Protein backbone atom coordinates (compact mmCIF):
# COMPACT_ATOMS: atom_id res chain seq x y z
CA MET A 1 -35.03 22.97 36.20
CA ASN A 2 -32.11 23.36 33.91
CA ARG A 3 -29.31 25.72 33.22
CA ASP A 4 -31.71 28.24 31.85
CA ASP A 5 -33.45 28.67 35.26
CA VAL A 6 -30.47 30.40 36.72
CA ASP A 7 -28.11 33.16 35.41
CA TRP A 8 -24.99 32.13 37.24
CA SER A 9 -21.73 32.88 35.41
CA GLY A 10 -18.35 34.28 35.73
CA PRO A 11 -15.72 34.01 38.38
CA MET A 12 -17.05 33.16 41.82
CA PRO A 13 -14.27 32.72 44.44
CA ALA A 14 -14.37 29.83 46.86
CA LEU A 15 -14.10 31.78 50.17
CA THR A 16 -12.01 30.96 53.13
CA THR A 17 -13.64 30.71 56.50
CA PRO A 18 -11.27 32.78 58.81
CA PHE A 19 -10.90 31.77 62.40
CA ASP A 20 -9.06 33.63 65.18
CA SER A 21 -6.41 32.10 67.43
CA GLN A 22 -9.18 30.57 69.64
CA GLY A 23 -10.82 28.89 66.63
CA ARG A 24 -13.80 31.18 66.53
CA ILE A 25 -15.18 32.39 63.22
CA ASP A 26 -14.03 35.91 62.36
CA SER A 27 -17.25 37.34 60.89
CA ALA A 28 -15.80 40.65 60.16
CA GLY A 29 -12.84 39.31 58.31
CA PHE A 30 -15.25 37.07 56.28
CA ALA A 31 -17.42 40.02 55.29
CA ALA A 32 -14.41 42.21 54.40
CA ASN A 33 -13.07 39.33 52.15
CA VAL A 34 -16.56 39.15 50.32
CA THR A 35 -16.53 42.88 49.70
CA ARG A 36 -12.85 42.78 48.34
CA MET A 37 -13.74 39.87 45.96
CA LEU A 38 -16.89 41.58 44.62
CA ASP A 39 -14.90 44.94 44.18
CA ALA A 40 -12.34 42.91 42.25
CA GLY A 41 -14.89 41.54 39.69
CA ALA A 42 -16.31 38.50 41.19
CA THR A 43 -19.89 37.79 40.00
CA GLY A 44 -20.67 36.01 43.23
CA VAL A 45 -19.26 33.88 46.04
CA VAL A 46 -19.08 30.26 47.34
CA ALA A 47 -19.16 29.91 51.04
CA CYS A 48 -18.64 26.77 53.23
CA GLY A 49 -16.95 24.82 50.45
CA CYS A 50 -13.64 22.86 50.63
CA THR A 51 -11.66 26.15 50.77
CA GLY A 52 -14.06 27.25 53.55
CA GLU A 53 -13.03 24.18 55.65
CA PHE A 54 -16.81 23.04 55.86
CA TRP A 55 -15.71 19.72 57.50
CA ALA A 56 -14.41 21.58 60.45
CA LEU A 57 -17.64 23.52 60.97
CA ASN A 58 -20.68 22.27 62.96
CA MET A 59 -24.19 22.54 61.55
CA GLN A 60 -24.90 25.71 63.42
CA GLU A 61 -21.82 27.38 62.19
CA ARG A 62 -22.38 26.44 58.65
CA ALA A 63 -25.96 27.91 58.89
CA ALA A 64 -24.71 31.02 60.36
CA LEU A 65 -22.13 31.57 57.66
CA TYR A 66 -24.90 31.20 55.07
CA HIS A 67 -26.49 34.36 56.64
CA GLU A 68 -23.16 36.08 56.81
CA ALA A 69 -22.49 35.41 53.17
CA VAL A 70 -25.91 36.74 52.02
CA LYS A 71 -25.53 39.85 54.31
CA ALA A 72 -22.11 40.62 53.11
CA THR A 73 -22.86 40.22 49.38
CA ALA A 74 -25.81 42.53 49.76
CA GLY A 75 -27.40 41.67 46.49
CA ARG A 76 -24.18 42.45 44.46
CA GLY A 77 -23.80 38.84 43.25
CA THR A 78 -24.77 35.25 43.44
CA VAL A 79 -24.44 33.49 46.85
CA ILE A 80 -23.81 29.73 46.65
CA VAL A 81 -23.30 27.78 49.92
CA GLY A 82 -21.97 24.22 50.62
CA THR A 83 -24.57 21.99 52.28
CA GLY A 84 -22.80 18.62 51.26
CA CYS A 85 -22.70 16.03 54.14
CA VAL A 86 -22.17 12.23 54.27
CA GLY A 87 -25.88 11.66 54.92
CA GLU A 88 -28.76 12.91 52.85
CA ALA A 89 -30.79 14.05 55.79
CA ASP A 90 -28.05 16.56 56.98
CA THR A 91 -27.56 17.77 53.45
CA ILE A 92 -31.28 18.47 53.04
CA ALA A 93 -31.51 20.05 56.55
CA LEU A 94 -28.64 22.42 55.71
CA ALA A 95 -30.27 23.20 52.32
CA ALA A 96 -33.39 24.31 54.17
CA LYS A 97 -31.10 26.65 56.23
CA ALA A 98 -29.56 28.05 53.11
CA LYS A 99 -33.16 28.87 51.74
CA GLU A 100 -33.91 30.62 55.00
CA ALA A 101 -30.76 32.63 54.75
CA GLY A 102 -31.58 33.84 51.26
CA ALA A 103 -28.84 31.93 49.40
CA ASP A 104 -29.27 31.54 45.56
CA GLY A 105 -28.19 28.01 45.48
CA VAL A 106 -26.46 25.03 47.17
CA LEU A 107 -23.25 23.24 46.31
CA VAL A 108 -23.42 19.51 47.03
CA LEU A 109 -20.58 17.08 46.83
CA PRO A 110 -21.04 13.32 46.84
CA PRO A 111 -21.05 11.51 50.22
CA TYR A 112 -17.39 11.27 51.28
CA PHE A 113 -15.05 8.85 52.85
CA VAL A 114 -16.97 5.67 52.18
CA LYS A 115 -16.59 4.36 48.43
CA LEU A 116 -19.84 4.30 46.57
CA THR A 117 -21.08 2.98 43.22
CA ASP A 118 -22.39 5.37 40.64
CA ASP A 119 -25.86 4.10 41.38
CA GLU A 120 -25.53 5.04 45.15
CA ILE A 121 -24.11 8.53 44.46
CA PHE A 122 -27.05 9.04 41.98
CA ALA A 123 -29.53 7.84 44.56
CA HIS A 124 -28.13 10.40 47.00
CA TYR A 125 -28.44 13.30 44.64
CA LYS A 126 -31.84 12.16 43.70
CA ALA A 127 -33.18 12.13 47.27
CA VAL A 128 -31.56 15.58 47.75
CA SER A 129 -32.98 17.00 44.54
CA GLU A 130 -36.54 15.74 45.57
CA ALA A 131 -36.35 17.43 49.04
CA VAL A 132 -34.73 20.73 48.62
CA GLU A 133 -36.05 24.00 47.27
CA LEU A 134 -33.07 25.72 45.93
CA PRO A 135 -31.19 24.93 42.74
CA ILE A 136 -28.15 22.53 43.17
CA ILE A 137 -24.64 22.72 41.92
CA ALA A 138 -23.19 19.17 41.90
CA TYR A 139 -19.50 19.16 43.09
CA ASN A 140 -17.10 16.82 41.66
CA ILE A 141 -13.85 16.77 43.86
CA PRO A 142 -12.68 13.10 44.01
CA GLY A 143 -9.36 14.08 45.55
CA ASN A 144 -11.34 15.12 48.73
CA ALA A 145 -14.59 13.25 48.44
CA VAL A 146 -13.18 9.86 47.25
CA ASN A 147 -16.24 9.46 45.11
CA ALA A 148 -16.00 10.98 41.58
CA ILE A 149 -18.61 12.25 39.10
CA SER A 150 -17.58 10.95 35.68
CA PRO A 151 -19.10 12.45 32.51
CA ALA A 152 -21.47 9.46 32.29
CA LEU A 153 -22.77 10.13 35.88
CA ALA A 154 -22.96 13.79 35.17
CA ASP A 155 -25.17 12.99 32.24
CA ARG A 156 -27.50 11.16 34.52
CA LEU A 157 -27.50 13.75 37.26
CA ALA A 158 -28.21 16.43 34.69
CA ASP A 159 -31.78 15.01 34.33
CA LEU A 160 -32.59 15.42 38.07
CA GLU A 161 -35.01 18.33 38.67
CA LYS A 162 -33.05 20.70 40.93
CA ILE A 163 -29.50 20.20 39.57
CA VAL A 164 -28.66 23.10 37.25
CA ALA A 165 -24.86 23.15 37.34
CA ILE A 166 -21.72 21.33 38.13
CA LYS A 167 -18.51 22.47 39.59
CA GLU A 168 -15.83 20.16 38.06
CA SER A 169 -12.88 20.25 40.30
CA SER A 170 -11.28 16.83 39.49
CA GLY A 171 -8.21 18.50 38.17
CA ASP A 172 -8.33 16.05 35.22
CA TRP A 173 -8.69 17.94 31.93
CA ASN A 174 -10.11 14.82 30.23
CA ASN A 175 -12.91 14.44 32.89
CA PHE A 176 -13.67 18.18 32.80
CA TYR A 177 -13.96 18.34 29.04
CA GLY A 178 -15.84 15.07 28.83
CA THR A 179 -18.24 16.52 31.40
CA LEU A 180 -18.68 19.81 29.61
CA LEU A 181 -19.55 17.94 26.41
CA ALA A 182 -21.97 15.73 28.06
CA VAL A 183 -24.07 18.21 30.00
CA LYS A 184 -23.44 21.83 28.76
CA ASP A 185 -26.71 21.91 27.01
CA ARG A 186 -28.53 21.20 30.39
CA LEU A 187 -26.22 22.30 33.11
CA ARG A 188 -23.99 25.30 33.71
CA VAL A 189 -20.46 24.01 34.05
CA PHE A 190 -17.88 25.79 36.48
CA CYS A 191 -14.22 24.98 36.23
CA GLY A 192 -12.85 24.36 39.62
CA PRO A 193 -9.03 24.44 39.07
CA SER A 194 -9.12 27.56 36.90
CA SER A 195 -5.59 28.31 38.14
CA VAL A 196 -4.47 25.26 36.13
CA PHE A 197 -6.65 25.17 33.02
CA GLY A 198 -9.28 27.87 33.38
CA VAL A 199 -8.37 29.73 30.19
CA PRO A 200 -8.94 26.69 27.94
CA ALA A 201 -12.03 25.67 29.99
CA VAL A 202 -13.73 29.05 29.36
CA ALA A 203 -12.46 29.36 25.87
CA LEU A 204 -14.25 26.06 25.23
CA GLY A 205 -17.59 26.96 26.87
CA ALA A 206 -17.36 26.84 30.70
CA ASP A 207 -19.89 29.24 32.20
CA GLY A 208 -17.68 30.28 35.04
CA THR A 209 -14.85 29.46 37.43
CA VAL A 210 -14.97 28.66 41.18
CA ASP A 211 -11.41 28.70 42.69
CA CYS A 212 -9.68 29.44 45.95
CA PHE A 213 -6.84 31.52 44.25
CA PRO A 214 -8.79 34.77 44.00
CA ASN A 215 -8.41 35.02 47.93
CA VAL A 216 -4.73 35.73 47.31
CA TRP A 217 -4.54 36.92 43.74
CA THR A 218 -7.45 38.68 42.12
CA GLY A 219 -5.75 37.97 38.72
CA CYS A 220 -7.62 34.63 38.97
CA LEU A 221 -10.81 36.55 38.71
CA ASP A 222 -9.56 38.51 35.68
CA LEU A 223 -8.30 35.14 34.08
CA TYR A 224 -12.04 34.24 33.34
CA TYR A 225 -12.74 37.62 31.62
CA ALA A 226 -9.45 37.37 29.70
CA ALA A 227 -10.37 33.96 28.43
CA ARG A 228 -14.01 35.03 27.73
CA ASP A 229 -12.92 37.99 25.64
CA GLY A 230 -10.02 36.41 24.02
CA ARG A 231 -7.45 38.88 25.37
CA ASP A 232 -3.80 38.66 24.72
CA ASP A 233 -2.85 38.41 28.34
CA ALA A 234 -4.91 35.26 29.02
CA ALA A 235 -1.87 32.85 28.61
CA GLU A 236 0.16 35.11 30.96
CA LEU A 237 -2.56 34.93 33.58
CA GLN A 238 -2.86 31.21 33.25
CA GLU A 239 0.91 30.80 33.77
CA MET A 240 0.74 32.80 36.93
CA GLY A 241 -2.04 30.63 38.14
CA ARG A 242 -0.15 27.51 37.51
CA ARG A 243 2.90 28.84 39.28
CA LEU A 244 0.90 29.78 42.25
CA THR A 245 -0.76 26.38 42.35
CA ASP A 246 2.67 24.66 42.23
CA LEU A 247 3.96 26.93 45.06
CA PHE A 248 0.88 26.16 47.38
CA VAL A 249 1.13 22.40 47.16
CA SER A 250 4.91 21.89 47.23
CA GLY A 251 7.63 22.19 49.93
CA GLY A 252 5.49 20.73 52.68
CA ARG A 253 2.60 22.87 51.93
CA THR A 254 -1.08 22.00 51.33
CA LEU A 255 -3.60 24.23 49.55
CA TYR A 256 -5.76 25.58 52.40
CA PRO A 257 -3.23 26.46 55.14
CA ALA A 258 -1.02 27.97 52.26
CA THR A 259 -4.04 30.10 51.08
CA LYS A 260 -4.64 31.46 54.57
CA ALA A 261 -0.93 32.06 55.33
CA ALA A 262 -0.49 33.90 51.94
CA MET A 263 -3.59 36.15 52.79
CA ASP A 264 -2.15 37.07 56.17
CA MET A 265 1.23 37.84 54.49
CA MET A 266 -0.28 39.99 52.00
CA GLY A 267 -2.43 41.91 54.47
CA PHE A 268 -5.81 40.59 53.18
CA PRO A 269 -8.75 39.87 55.48
CA GLY A 270 -10.25 36.36 55.65
CA GLY A 271 -6.97 34.44 56.39
CA GLY A 272 -6.20 33.61 59.87
CA THR A 273 -5.65 30.20 61.55
CA PRO A 274 -6.89 27.01 60.02
CA ARG A 275 -8.91 24.69 62.27
CA PRO A 276 -7.53 21.22 63.18
CA PRO A 277 -6.82 18.82 61.78
CA LEU A 278 -5.16 21.48 59.57
CA ARG A 279 -2.35 23.33 61.06
CA PRO A 280 -0.88 26.73 60.26
CA LEU A 281 2.27 26.82 58.22
CA THR A 282 5.46 27.35 60.10
CA GLY A 283 9.23 26.97 59.45
CA ALA A 284 10.60 26.17 56.10
CA PRO A 285 7.21 25.74 54.41
CA LEU A 286 6.18 29.21 55.61
CA ASP A 287 9.43 30.63 54.70
CA GLY A 288 9.18 28.95 51.24
CA LEU A 289 5.74 30.39 50.64
CA ARG A 290 6.98 33.85 51.47
CA SER A 291 10.03 33.64 49.11
CA GLY A 292 7.82 32.09 46.36
CA LEU A 293 5.21 34.92 46.60
CA GLN A 294 8.16 37.45 46.44
CA GLU A 295 9.57 35.78 43.37
CA LEU A 296 6.11 35.96 41.66
CA GLY A 297 5.98 39.70 42.38
CA LEU A 298 3.02 39.35 44.80
CA LEU A 299 4.69 40.25 47.97
């Protein structure tokens, strides 16, 4: 397999997993958010990734959400689901559940927490590639996973049979562009922080974007099309994305609780309460988010 075996492209939002006040998954809110994203121009969705708080879900909940994502998408776009775990056996088991659910592909980050060598990361992906049936998007997010996929390691991973794409979410332009140059002839390359540098990424050949910000601002979906088509408003959209990014990770706020709080403020489905260890925004961080959204004209 390689990039030519899939047709994945365009903006695919990283979906939140909404929970009610008792911590239960809000399936109706999840489905409504999927529909809203597709109606706004998404070419597919990514469920149970970092934005989806996968670490706070048990194996059964993750498998159930795979079915929810496929059902809600209803054939209108690509369905990618996160199956990454510390151990390869669990990663493979979840990939089998994704296959059963009808997902199109799986998103697999490196084993997290324990620091690994490149050879150990490669061995993990090799074992997963040899055991799963669905095509794989390798997921580089060292800020969360500790372990990074450098351009050199991406080049090695591109030769594994089931890996057809990479989501480059390091936030480091040099790593992103180096990865693009190293693997674009074999893998589809998706820009993670499209809110920060999605326009230049797409302009230089990225196949698509996977970002949390479409959950609160569908302009982050349009950002892909503006960059692809060379529209005059691309720079304006990129500036808005950067301003939102800065707002969501400053003033005592972190990305995922801020995303859910903003969705609730704006009346969008799919927000709700984050699961521990994350906590809902309160006090000054919440007030600052509200005033920031107002200043940006989004509230």
